[in-house]
Amino acid sequence: MIKQLLLVFVGGGLGCVLRFLFSVWINTDQIKWIPTIIANILGCFLLGLFLSLSHKNILDSHGYILLGIGFCGV
């Protein structure tokens, strides 16, 4: 249980930092919600990729916890 919590913690931290950096990089003064929409669409794509890799046994359960639940913020 502790290992799973640490995986979610690390993945969530990385995901939050990358979402912040992405929103700073795509900074638009006219429309503030554009970076959020792009990050959410990219996150949905990555979550689908990680889930399909998990179902095909390419990504183990710890990898899915780190990337799917932590990084993508499910």
Protein backbone atom coordinates (compact mmCIF):
# COMPACT_ATOMS: atom_id res chain seq x y z
CA MET A 1 0.00 0.00 0.00
CA ILE A 2 2.84 2.42 0.81
CA LYS A 3 4.51 1.71 -2.54
CA GLN A 4 1.27 2.48 -4.38
CA LEU A 5 0.83 5.75 -2.47
CA LEU A 6 4.39 6.78 -3.31
CA LEU A 7 3.81 5.98 -6.99
CA VAL A 8 0.68 8.15 -7.05
CA PHE A 9 2.55 10.90 -5.17
CA VAL A 10 5.51 10.94 -7.58
CA GLY A 11 3.34 10.64 -10.70
CA GLY A 12 0.97 13.36 -9.49
CA GLY A 13 3.85 15.70 -8.70
CA LEU A 14 5.39 15.22 -12.14
CA GLY A 15 2.03 15.68 -13.83
CA CYS A 16 1.27 18.89 -11.93
CA VAL A 17 4.65 20.41 -12.74
CA LEU A 18 4.37 19.53 -16.43
CA ARG A 19 0.82 20.93 -16.64
CA PHE A 20 2.04 24.16 -15.07
CA LEU A 21 5.04 24.44 -17.41
CA PHE A 22 2.79 23.66 -20.38
CA SER A 23 0.35 26.42 -19.40
CA VAL A 24 3.23 28.90 -19.05
CA TRP A 25 4.66 27.84 -22.42
CA ILE A 26 1.30 28.17 -24.22
CA ASN A 27 0.49 31.44 -22.45
CA THR A 28 -2.25 33.23 -24.36
CA ASP A 29 -3.46 36.59 -23.11
CA GLN A 30 -6.68 36.56 -25.12
CA ILE A 31 -8.12 33.17 -24.15
CA LYS A 32 -7.01 31.80 -20.77
CA TRP A 33 -8.69 28.38 -21.07
CA ILE A 34 -6.80 27.22 -24.19
CA PRO A 35 -3.83 25.63 -22.30
CA THR A 36 -6.24 23.81 -19.99
CA ILE A 37 -8.23 22.34 -22.89
CA ILE A 38 -5.06 21.24 -24.71
CA ALA A 39 -3.62 19.68 -21.53
CA ASN A 40 -6.88 17.82 -20.85
CA ILE A 41 -7.09 16.45 -24.41
CA LEU A 42 -3.45 15.34 -24.28
CA GLY A 43 -4.07 13.78 -20.85
CA CYS A 44 -7.06 11.85 -22.17
CA PHE A 45 -4.99 10.53 -25.06
CA LEU A 46 -2.16 9.49 -22.71
CA LEU A 47 -4.58 7.87 -20.29
CA GLY A 48 -6.08 5.79 -23.11
CA LEU A 49 -2.58 4.82 -24.23
CA PHE A 50 -1.53 3.79 -20.71
CA LEU A 51 -4.75 1.84 -20.19
CA SER A 52 -4.38 -0.05 -23.47
CA LEU A 53 -0.74 -0.85 -22.67
CA SER A 54 -1.86 -2.11 -19.28
CA HIS A 55 -4.53 -4.36 -20.82
CA LYS A 56 -1.97 -5.80 -23.24
CA ASN A 57 0.36 -6.54 -20.28
CA ILE A 58 3.05 -4.24 -21.69
CA LEU A 59 2.67 -1.91 -18.69
CA ASP A 60 2.43 -3.55 -15.27
CA SER A 61 0.08 -2.42 -12.50
CA HIS A 62 2.73 -0.26 -10.83
CA GLY A 63 3.42 1.52 -14.12
CA TYR A 64 -0.29 2.20 -14.58
CA ILE A 65 -0.58 3.52 -11.03
CA LEU A 66 2.37 5.85 -11.64
CA LEU A 67 1.39 7.04 -15.12
CA GLY A 68 -2.39 6.62 -15.35
CA ILE A 69 -3.54 7.44 -11.85
CA GLY A 70 -0.68 9.68 -10.72
CA PHE A 71 0.62 11.44 -13.83
CA CYS A 72 -2.70 11.81 -15.67
CA GLY A 73 -4.57 12.52 -12.44
CA VAL A 74 -7.40 10.02 -12.76
